[in-house]
Amino acid sequence: MTGGNESCTAGPTSMSYLTCLTYILEEWTGVEDIGDYLSYAFYILWLLFPLVVVFVLPGVIVILFYVSILWLHIYKRKNEIKEAYSHDVWIGAREMLATIWDGHGRIWHGYELHGVENIPQGPGLVVFYHGATPVDYIYFSARLHIMNKRRCSVVADHFVFRLPG
């Protein structure tokens, strides 16, 4: 770069934006050959990306669990007075949490629910596998609530009740 207000594309030779960014960073930091450091940093990022993905998804799920619990406690405190005068104050809380968890399931996992019309109107039993966390049940009950406005009770392993919160 020749300095002043000139851009990287001005002058006798045009250069790519990445090369221009490298020159700008070299001038700004005073470090020569910053491109080598950046390529090494990108290599390390590429190398550690699977570990980041492995730890980010469970972290998001755990944070969403605690945000849901916190939101329910705030909702309960806010609506204690309304509870004496209305039929069910938890309708709004159920709708909000079902929407949050359904969105999470669709975005992170592409979760879809097929065959809802086969669930009987009366009592029924849905048996399914869950992995390390009971997130699939939460996605199922959220989607069922959004589609049919039905609640689903669960018989769960002791592990579910050992989750904090």
N, C-alpha and C. Protein backbone atom coordinates (compact mmCIF):
# COMPACT_ATOMS: atom_id res chain seq x y z
N MET A 1 0.84 -1.18 0.00
CA MET A 1 0.00 0.00 0.00
C MET A 1 0.88 1.23 0.00
N THR A 2 0.40 2.22 -0.65
CA THR A 2 1.19 3.44 -0.77
C THR A 2 0.84 4.45 0.29
N GLY A 3 -0.23 4.23 1.07
CA GLY A 3 -0.58 5.11 2.18
C GLY A 3 -1.72 6.03 1.84
N GLY A 4 -2.12 6.85 2.81
CA GLY A 4 -3.17 7.84 2.61
C GLY A 4 -4.53 7.18 2.48
N ASN A 5 -5.35 7.75 1.61
CA ASN A 5 -6.72 7.28 1.41
C ASN A 5 -6.85 6.28 0.28
N GLU A 6 -5.74 5.84 -0.27
CA GLU A 6 -5.82 4.93 -1.40
C GLU A 6 -6.25 3.54 -0.94
N SER A 7 -7.00 2.87 -1.79
CA SER A 7 -7.45 1.53 -1.45
C SER A 7 -6.45 0.51 -1.98
N CYS A 8 -6.65 -0.74 -1.62
CA CYS A 8 -5.75 -1.81 -2.06
C CYS A 8 -5.88 -2.06 -3.54
N THR A 9 -7.02 -1.73 -4.13
CA THR A 9 -7.21 -1.99 -5.55
C THR A 9 -6.67 -0.87 -6.41
N ALA A 10 -6.29 0.24 -5.81
CA ALA A 10 -5.74 1.35 -6.59
C ALA A 10 -4.28 1.07 -6.90
N GLY A 11 -3.81 1.63 -7.93
CA GLY A 11 -2.40 1.46 -8.28
C GLY A 11 -2.22 0.53 -9.45
N PRO A 12 -0.96 0.25 -9.76
CA PRO A 12 -0.68 -0.55 -10.97
C PRO A 12 -1.12 -2.01 -10.85
N THR A 13 -1.07 -2.61 -9.65
CA THR A 13 -1.48 -4.00 -9.50
C THR A 13 -2.65 -4.09 -8.55
N SER A 14 -3.65 -4.84 -8.94
CA SER A 14 -4.81 -5.07 -8.09
C SER A 14 -4.56 -6.32 -7.27
N MET A 15 -4.99 -6.32 -6.01
CA MET A 15 -4.77 -7.48 -5.16
C MET A 15 -6.09 -7.93 -4.53
N SER A 16 -6.11 -9.15 -4.03
CA SER A 16 -7.33 -9.69 -3.43
C SER A 16 -7.59 -9.02 -2.09
N TYR A 17 -8.80 -9.19 -1.63
CA TYR A 17 -9.18 -8.59 -0.35
C TYR A 17 -8.41 -9.21 0.82
N LEU A 18 -8.14 -10.50 0.74
CA LEU A 18 -7.38 -11.16 1.80
C LEU A 18 -5.95 -10.63 1.87
N THR A 19 -5.34 -10.42 0.72
CA THR A 19 -4.00 -9.85 0.70
C THR A 19 -4.03 -8.42 1.22
N CYS A 20 -5.05 -7.69 0.84
CA CYS A 20 -5.21 -6.32 1.33
C CYS A 20 -5.37 -6.31 2.85
N LEU A 21 -6.18 -7.22 3.35
CA LEU A 21 -6.37 -7.32 4.81
C LEU A 21 -5.05 -7.66 5.50
N THR A 22 -4.28 -8.53 4.89
CA THR A 22 -2.98 -8.89 5.45
C THR A 22 -2.06 -7.68 5.53
N TYR A 23 -2.01 -6.90 4.45
CA TYR A 23 -1.19 -5.68 4.46
C TYR A 23 -1.66 -4.68 5.51
N ILE A 24 -2.97 -4.53 5.63
CA ILE A 24 -3.51 -3.59 6.63
C ILE A 24 -3.14 -4.05 8.04
N LEU A 25 -3.29 -5.37 8.30
CA LEU A 25 -2.94 -5.89 9.63
C LEU A 25 -1.44 -5.76 9.90
N GLU A 26 -0.60 -5.96 8.88
CA GLU A 26 0.85 -5.80 9.07
C GLU A 26 1.18 -4.36 9.43
N GLU A 27 0.55 -3.41 8.76
CA GLU A 27 0.82 -2.00 9.07
C GLU A 27 0.28 -1.62 10.44
N TRP A 28 -0.87 -2.15 10.78
CA TRP A 28 -1.52 -1.77 12.04
C TRP A 28 -0.79 -2.37 13.24
N THR A 29 -0.37 -3.64 13.13
CA THR A 29 0.27 -4.29 14.27
C THR A 29 1.79 -4.15 14.27
N GLY A 30 2.38 -3.90 13.11
CA GLY A 30 3.82 -3.80 13.03
C GLY A 30 4.51 -5.15 12.95
N VAL A 31 3.75 -6.23 12.79
CA VAL A 31 4.31 -7.57 12.70
C VAL A 31 4.49 -7.92 11.24
N GLU A 32 5.72 -8.34 10.89
CA GLU A 32 5.96 -8.74 9.51
C GLU A 32 5.51 -10.18 9.30
N ASP A 33 5.16 -10.52 8.09
CA ASP A 33 4.69 -11.85 7.71
C ASP A 33 3.52 -12.32 8.57
N ILE A 34 2.55 -11.45 8.78
CA ILE A 34 1.39 -11.80 9.61
C ILE A 34 0.52 -12.85 8.92
N GLY A 35 0.65 -12.96 7.60
CA GLY A 35 -0.10 -13.98 6.87
C GLY A 35 0.25 -15.38 7.32
N ASP A 36 1.53 -15.62 7.66
CA ASP A 36 1.92 -16.93 8.15
C ASP A 36 1.27 -17.23 9.49
N TYR A 37 1.21 -16.22 10.36
CA TYR A 37 0.57 -16.41 11.66
C TYR A 37 -0.93 -16.66 11.49
N LEU A 38 -1.56 -15.93 10.57
CA LEU A 38 -2.99 -16.13 10.34
C LEU A 38 -3.28 -17.51 9.76
N SER A 39 -2.44 -17.97 8.83
CA SER A 39 -2.66 -19.30 8.27
C SER A 39 -2.48 -20.37 9.35
N TYR A 40 -1.52 -20.18 10.26
CA TYR A 40 -1.35 -21.12 11.36
C TYR A 40 -2.57 -21.08 12.29
N ALA A 41 -3.10 -19.90 12.56
CA ALA A 41 -4.27 -19.78 13.42
C ALA A 41 -5.49 -20.45 12.78
N PHE A 42 -5.66 -20.27 11.46
CA PHE A 42 -6.76 -20.93 10.78
C PHE A 42 -6.59 -22.44 10.78
N TYR A 43 -5.37 -22.92 10.68
CA TYR A 43 -5.11 -24.35 10.74
C TYR A 43 -5.48 -24.91 12.11
N ILE A 44 -5.09 -24.24 13.16
CA ILE A 44 -5.44 -24.68 14.53
C ILE A 44 -6.95 -24.65 14.73
N LEU A 45 -7.61 -23.61 14.22
CA LEU A 45 -9.06 -23.52 14.32
C LEU A 45 -9.71 -24.68 13.58
N TRP A 46 -9.22 -24.99 12.38
CA TRP A 46 -9.75 -26.10 11.61
C TRP A 46 -9.51 -27.43 12.33
N LEU A 47 -8.37 -27.56 12.97
CA LEU A 47 -8.02 -28.78 13.68
C LEU A 47 -8.89 -28.99 14.91
N LEU A 48 -9.19 -27.92 15.62
CA LEU A 48 -9.96 -28.02 16.86
C LEU A 48 -11.46 -27.85 16.66
N PHE A 49 -11.91 -27.61 15.43
CA PHE A 49 -13.33 -27.38 15.17
C PHE A 49 -14.22 -28.55 15.63
N PRO A 50 -13.85 -29.81 15.40
CA PRO A 50 -14.71 -30.90 15.91
C PRO A 50 -14.88 -30.86 17.43
N LEU A 51 -13.83 -30.52 18.16
CA LEU A 51 -13.97 -30.41 19.61
C LEU A 51 -14.90 -29.27 20.00
N VAL A 52 -14.82 -28.18 19.29
CA VAL A 52 -15.70 -27.05 19.57
C VAL A 52 -17.16 -27.47 19.35
N VAL A 53 -17.42 -28.17 18.25
CA VAL A 53 -18.79 -28.61 17.96
C VAL A 53 -19.27 -29.59 19.02
N VAL A 54 -18.40 -30.48 19.45
CA VAL A 54 -18.78 -31.48 20.45
C VAL A 54 -19.17 -30.82 21.77
N PHE A 55 -18.49 -29.74 22.14
CA PHE A 55 -18.78 -29.11 23.42
C PHE A 55 -19.80 -27.98 23.34
N VAL A 56 -19.98 -27.38 22.18
CA VAL A 56 -20.93 -26.27 22.06
C VAL A 56 -22.36 -26.76 22.12
N LEU A 57 -22.70 -27.82 21.39
CA LEU A 57 -24.08 -28.29 21.36
C LEU A 57 -24.59 -28.71 22.75
N PRO A 58 -23.89 -29.55 23.49
CA PRO A 58 -24.37 -29.86 24.84
C PRO A 58 -24.41 -28.62 25.74
N GLY A 59 -23.48 -27.72 25.55
CA GLY A 59 -23.50 -26.49 26.35
C GLY A 59 -24.74 -25.66 26.08
N VAL A 60 -25.13 -25.58 24.81
CA VAL A 60 -26.35 -24.84 24.46
C VAL A 60 -27.57 -25.51 25.06
N ILE A 61 -27.61 -26.83 25.03
CA ILE A 61 -28.75 -27.56 25.60
C ILE A 61 -28.84 -27.32 27.11
N VAL A 62 -27.72 -27.41 27.81
CA VAL A 62 -27.73 -27.18 29.26
C VAL A 62 -28.13 -25.74 29.57
N ILE A 63 -27.62 -24.78 28.83
CA ILE A 63 -28.00 -23.38 29.05
C ILE A 63 -29.48 -23.20 28.78
N LEU A 64 -30.02 -23.86 27.74
CA LEU A 64 -31.44 -23.74 27.45
C LEU A 64 -32.29 -24.38 28.55
N PHE A 65 -31.82 -25.48 29.16
CA PHE A 65 -32.52 -26.06 30.31
C PHE A 65 -32.64 -25.03 31.43
N TYR A 66 -31.51 -24.41 31.78
CA TYR A 66 -31.52 -23.47 32.90
C TYR A 66 -32.29 -22.20 32.57
N VAL A 67 -32.23 -21.75 31.33
CA VAL A 67 -33.02 -20.57 30.94
C VAL A 67 -34.51 -20.89 31.04
N SER A 68 -34.90 -22.11 30.65
CA SER A 68 -36.32 -22.50 30.76
C SER A 68 -36.77 -22.52 32.21
N ILE A 69 -35.94 -23.08 33.08
CA ILE A 69 -36.30 -23.15 34.50
C ILE A 69 -36.38 -21.75 35.11
N LEU A 70 -35.40 -20.92 34.80
CA LEU A 70 -35.42 -19.55 35.29
C LEU A 70 -36.64 -18.80 34.79
N TRP A 71 -36.98 -18.97 33.52
CA TRP A 71 -38.14 -18.29 32.95
C TRP A 71 -39.42 -18.75 33.64
N LEU A 72 -39.54 -20.05 33.96
CA LEU A 72 -40.73 -20.55 34.66
C LEU A 72 -40.84 -19.98 36.07
N HIS A 73 -39.71 -19.84 36.75
CA HIS A 73 -39.76 -19.24 38.09
C HIS A 73 -40.16 -17.78 38.04
N ILE A 74 -39.64 -17.04 37.08
CA ILE A 74 -40.04 -15.63 36.93
C ILE A 74 -41.51 -15.55 36.56
N TYR A 75 -41.97 -16.40 35.67
CA TYR A 75 -43.36 -16.40 35.26
C TYR A 75 -44.28 -16.71 36.45
N LYS A 76 -43.84 -17.66 37.30
CA LYS A 76 -44.65 -18.02 38.47
C LYS A 76 -44.76 -16.84 39.43
N ARG A 77 -43.65 -16.17 39.69
CA ARG A 77 -43.69 -15.02 40.61
C ARG A 77 -44.52 -13.87 40.04
N LYS A 78 -44.45 -13.68 38.75
CA LYS A 78 -45.18 -12.59 38.12
C LYS A 78 -46.69 -12.83 38.15
N ASN A 79 -47.09 -14.09 38.08
CA ASN A 79 -48.51 -14.41 37.94
C ASN A 79 -49.15 -14.99 39.20
N GLU A 80 -48.54 -14.83 40.36
CA GLU A 80 -49.13 -15.36 41.58
C GLU A 80 -50.47 -14.70 41.88
N ILE A 81 -50.60 -13.43 41.63
CA ILE A 81 -51.86 -12.73 41.90
C ILE A 81 -52.92 -13.13 40.88
N LYS A 82 -52.52 -13.28 39.63
CA LYS A 82 -53.47 -13.65 38.58
C LYS A 82 -54.01 -15.06 38.77
N GLU A 83 -53.27 -15.91 39.47
CA GLU A 83 -53.65 -17.31 39.62
C GLU A 83 -54.99 -17.46 40.33
N ALA A 84 -55.28 -16.58 41.27
CA ALA A 84 -56.53 -16.67 42.01
C ALA A 84 -57.73 -16.32 41.15
N TYR A 85 -57.54 -15.60 40.06
CA TYR A 85 -58.66 -15.11 39.26
C TYR A 85 -58.79 -15.75 37.89
N SER A 86 -57.85 -16.57 37.48
CA SER A 86 -57.94 -17.16 36.15
C SER A 86 -57.95 -18.68 36.24
N HIS A 87 -58.30 -19.29 35.14
CA HIS A 87 -58.41 -20.75 35.10
C HIS A 87 -57.04 -21.42 35.15
N ASP A 88 -56.14 -21.07 34.24
CA ASP A 88 -54.81 -21.68 34.20
C ASP A 88 -53.80 -20.65 33.71
N VAL A 89 -52.94 -20.19 34.59
CA VAL A 89 -51.97 -19.16 34.22
C VAL A 89 -50.76 -19.75 33.51
N TRP A 90 -50.62 -21.07 33.50
CA TRP A 90 -49.46 -21.70 32.91
C TRP A 90 -49.58 -21.88 31.41
N ILE A 91 -50.69 -21.49 30.81
CA ILE A 91 -50.86 -21.64 29.37
C ILE A 91 -49.80 -20.84 28.62
N GLY A 92 -49.58 -19.61 29.02
CA GLY A 92 -48.58 -18.77 28.37
C GLY A 92 -47.17 -19.34 28.52
N ALA A 93 -46.87 -19.87 29.71
CA ALA A 93 -45.54 -20.45 29.94
C ALA A 93 -45.33 -21.68 29.07
N ARG A 94 -46.35 -22.53 28.96
CA ARG A 94 -46.24 -23.71 28.11
C ARG A 94 -46.02 -23.34 26.64
N GLU A 95 -46.78 -22.34 26.18
CA GLU A 95 -46.64 -21.91 24.78
C GLU A 95 -45.24 -21.38 24.52
N MET A 96 -44.73 -20.57 25.43
CA MET A 96 -43.42 -19.97 25.24
C MET A 96 -42.31 -21.02 25.24
N LEU A 97 -42.33 -21.92 26.22
CA LEU A 97 -41.29 -22.95 26.29
C LEU A 97 -41.40 -23.94 25.13
N ALA A 98 -42.62 -24.27 24.73
CA ALA A 98 -42.78 -25.17 23.58
C ALA A 98 -42.21 -24.53 22.32
N THR A 99 -42.42 -23.25 22.15
CA THR A 99 -41.89 -22.56 20.98
C THR A 99 -40.37 -22.51 21.01
N ILE A 100 -39.79 -22.23 22.18
CA ILE A 100 -38.32 -22.17 22.32
C ILE A 100 -37.71 -23.53 22.01
N TRP A 101 -38.23 -24.60 22.63
CA TRP A 101 -37.64 -25.92 22.44
C TRP A 101 -37.90 -26.46 21.04
N ASP A 102 -39.05 -26.15 20.47
CA ASP A 102 -39.32 -26.58 19.10
C ASP A 102 -38.37 -25.88 18.13
N GLY A 103 -38.13 -24.62 18.33
CA GLY A 103 -37.17 -23.89 17.49
C GLY A 103 -35.77 -24.45 17.62
N HIS A 104 -35.37 -24.77 18.84
CA HIS A 104 -34.05 -25.37 19.07
C HIS A 104 -33.93 -26.71 18.36
N GLY A 105 -34.95 -27.54 18.46
CA GLY A 105 -34.93 -28.85 17.81
C GLY A 105 -34.89 -28.74 16.30
N ARG A 106 -35.62 -27.79 15.75
CA ARG A 106 -35.62 -27.63 14.29
C ARG A 106 -34.30 -27.06 13.79
N ILE A 107 -33.73 -26.10 14.49
CA ILE A 107 -32.50 -25.47 14.03
C ILE A 107 -31.30 -26.39 14.20
N TRP A 108 -31.12 -26.96 15.40
CA TRP A 108 -29.93 -27.75 15.68
C TRP A 108 -29.99 -29.15 15.10
N HIS A 109 -31.20 -29.77 15.11
CA HIS A 109 -31.28 -31.17 14.75
C HIS A 109 -32.19 -31.44 13.56
N GLY A 110 -32.89 -30.43 13.06
CA GLY A 110 -33.83 -30.67 11.97
C GLY A 110 -34.98 -31.55 12.42
N TYR A 111 -35.41 -31.42 13.67
CA TYR A 111 -36.42 -32.29 14.26
C TYR A 111 -37.77 -32.07 13.59
N GLU A 112 -38.38 -33.16 13.19
CA GLU A 112 -39.73 -33.15 12.63
C GLU A 112 -40.54 -34.23 13.31
N LEU A 113 -41.84 -34.05 13.34
CA LEU A 113 -42.73 -35.02 13.98
C LEU A 113 -43.73 -35.49 12.94
N HIS A 114 -43.68 -36.79 12.63
CA HIS A 114 -44.58 -37.38 11.64
C HIS A 114 -45.48 -38.39 12.33
N GLY A 115 -46.69 -38.53 11.87
CA GLY A 115 -47.61 -39.54 12.39
C GLY A 115 -48.38 -39.10 13.62
N VAL A 116 -48.52 -37.81 13.82
CA VAL A 116 -49.27 -37.32 14.99
C VAL A 116 -50.73 -37.74 14.91
N GLU A 117 -51.24 -37.90 13.70
CA GLU A 117 -52.65 -38.29 13.53
C GLU A 117 -52.90 -39.71 14.04
N ASN A 118 -51.85 -40.51 14.24
CA ASN A 118 -52.01 -41.88 14.74
C ASN A 118 -52.07 -41.95 16.26
N ILE A 119 -51.80 -40.86 16.94
CA ILE A 119 -51.91 -40.83 18.40
C ILE A 119 -53.39 -40.72 18.76
N PRO A 120 -53.92 -41.64 19.59
CA PRO A 120 -55.36 -41.60 19.91
C PRO A 120 -55.73 -40.35 20.70
N GLN A 121 -57.02 -39.98 20.62
CA GLN A 121 -57.50 -38.81 21.34
C GLN A 121 -57.51 -39.04 22.84
N GLY A 122 -57.75 -40.24 23.27
CA GLY A 122 -57.75 -40.55 24.69
C GLY A 122 -56.34 -40.83 25.16
N PRO A 123 -56.23 -41.64 26.21
CA PRO A 123 -54.89 -41.96 26.70
C PRO A 123 -54.14 -42.86 25.72
N GLY A 124 -52.84 -42.74 25.73
CA GLY A 124 -52.00 -43.55 24.86
C GLY A 124 -50.62 -43.68 25.47
N LEU A 125 -49.83 -44.56 24.91
CA LEU A 125 -48.48 -44.78 25.40
C LEU A 125 -47.51 -44.63 24.22
N VAL A 126 -46.56 -43.71 24.38
CA VAL A 126 -45.54 -43.50 23.37
C VAL A 126 -44.23 -43.99 23.97
N VAL A 127 -43.61 -44.96 23.33
CA VAL A 127 -42.36 -45.52 23.80
C VAL A 127 -41.28 -45.11 22.81
N PHE A 128 -40.20 -44.53 23.33
CA PHE A 128 -39.10 -44.13 22.46
C PHE A 128 -37.81 -44.17 23.23
N TYR A 129 -36.73 -44.18 22.47
CA TYR A 129 -35.38 -44.22 23.03
C TYR A 129 -34.90 -42.80 23.28
N HIS A 130 -34.16 -42.62 24.34
CA HIS A 130 -33.48 -41.34 24.53
C HIS A 130 -32.01 -41.62 24.81
N GLY A 131 -31.19 -40.72 24.36
CA GLY A 131 -29.75 -40.90 24.51
C GLY A 131 -29.28 -40.41 25.86
N ALA A 132 -28.17 -39.70 25.86
CA ALA A 132 -27.55 -39.25 27.10
C ALA A 132 -28.40 -38.20 27.82
N THR A 133 -29.16 -37.43 27.07
CA THR A 133 -30.06 -36.44 27.68
C THR A 133 -31.47 -36.68 27.15
N PRO A 134 -32.48 -36.31 27.91
CA PRO A 134 -33.86 -36.54 27.47
C PRO A 134 -34.38 -35.44 26.54
N VAL A 135 -33.51 -34.93 25.69
CA VAL A 135 -33.90 -33.81 24.83
C VAL A 135 -34.94 -34.24 23.81
N ASP A 136 -34.88 -35.50 23.33
CA ASP A 136 -35.84 -35.94 22.32
C ASP A 136 -37.26 -35.92 22.88
N TYR A 137 -37.43 -36.26 24.16
CA TYR A 137 -38.77 -36.16 24.76
C TYR A 137 -39.23 -34.71 24.82
N ILE A 138 -38.33 -33.82 25.15
CA ILE A 138 -38.70 -32.40 25.22
C ILE A 138 -39.10 -31.89 23.85
N TYR A 139 -38.34 -32.26 22.81
CA TYR A 139 -38.71 -31.87 21.45
C TYR A 139 -40.07 -32.45 21.06
N PHE A 140 -40.29 -33.73 21.41
CA PHE A 140 -41.57 -34.37 21.09
C PHE A 140 -42.73 -33.68 21.77
N SER A 141 -42.61 -33.45 23.07
CA SER A 141 -43.73 -32.83 23.79
C SER A 141 -43.96 -31.39 23.35
N ALA A 142 -42.90 -30.67 23.02
CA ALA A 142 -43.06 -29.30 22.54
C ALA A 142 -43.78 -29.29 21.19
N ARG A 143 -43.36 -30.16 20.28
CA ARG A 143 -43.99 -30.19 18.96
C ARG A 143 -45.43 -30.66 19.06
N LEU A 144 -45.71 -31.65 19.92
CA LEU A 144 -47.07 -32.13 20.12
C LEU A 144 -47.96 -31.03 20.69
N HIS A 145 -47.42 -30.26 21.61
CA HIS A 145 -48.19 -29.15 22.18
C HIS A 145 -48.49 -28.08 21.13
N ILE A 146 -47.52 -27.77 20.28
CA ILE A 146 -47.74 -26.75 19.25
C ILE A 146 -48.73 -27.25 18.20
N MET A 147 -48.63 -28.50 17.80
CA MET A 147 -49.49 -29.01 16.72
C MET A 147 -50.91 -29.32 17.19
N ASN A 148 -51.06 -29.94 18.37
CA ASN A 148 -52.38 -30.42 18.80
C ASN A 148 -52.86 -29.82 20.11
N LYS A 149 -52.07 -28.96 20.75
CA LYS A 149 -52.42 -28.39 22.06
C LYS A 149 -52.68 -29.49 23.09
N ARG A 150 -51.88 -30.57 23.01
CA ARG A 150 -52.01 -31.67 23.96
C ARG A 150 -50.76 -31.75 24.81
N ARG A 151 -50.96 -32.16 26.05
CA ARG A 151 -49.83 -32.37 26.95
C ARG A 151 -49.52 -33.85 27.01
N CYS A 152 -48.27 -34.15 27.25
CA CYS A 152 -47.81 -35.53 27.28
C CYS A 152 -47.12 -35.77 28.61
N SER A 153 -47.60 -36.74 29.37
CA SER A 153 -46.94 -37.12 30.62
C SER A 153 -45.89 -38.16 30.30
N VAL A 154 -44.92 -38.30 31.21
CA VAL A 154 -43.80 -39.18 30.91
C VAL A 154 -43.50 -40.09 32.10
N VAL A 155 -43.09 -41.30 31.79
CA VAL A 155 -42.51 -42.21 32.76
C VAL A 155 -41.03 -42.23 32.41
N ALA A 156 -40.20 -41.81 33.36
CA ALA A 156 -38.79 -41.59 33.02
C ALA A 156 -37.88 -42.37 33.96
N ASP A 157 -36.67 -42.51 33.51
CA ASP A 157 -35.62 -43.13 34.29
C ASP A 157 -35.23 -42.19 35.44
N HIS A 158 -34.58 -42.72 36.45
CA HIS A 158 -34.15 -41.90 37.58
C HIS A 158 -33.17 -40.83 37.17
N PHE A 159 -32.48 -41.04 36.06
CA PHE A 159 -31.49 -40.06 35.57
C PHE A 159 -32.14 -38.70 35.32
N VAL A 160 -33.35 -38.71 34.78
CA VAL A 160 -34.03 -37.46 34.45
C VAL A 160 -34.25 -36.62 35.71
N PHE A 161 -34.54 -37.27 36.81
CA PHE A 161 -34.80 -36.53 38.03
C PHE A 161 -33.53 -36.14 38.77
N ARG A 162 -32.39 -36.60 38.29
CA ARG A 162 -31.11 -36.19 38.88
C ARG A 162 -30.52 -34.97 38.20
N LEU A 163 -31.13 -34.52 37.12
CA LEU A 163 -30.66 -33.30 36.46
C LEU A 163 -30.87 -32.12 37.39
N PRO A 164 -29.88 -31.28 37.55
CA PRO A 164 -30.07 -30.12 38.42
C PRO A 164 -31.14 -29.18 37.88
N GLY A 165 -31.94 -28.65 38.79
CA GLY A 165 -32.98 -27.71 38.36
C GLY A 165 -34.29 -28.39 38.21
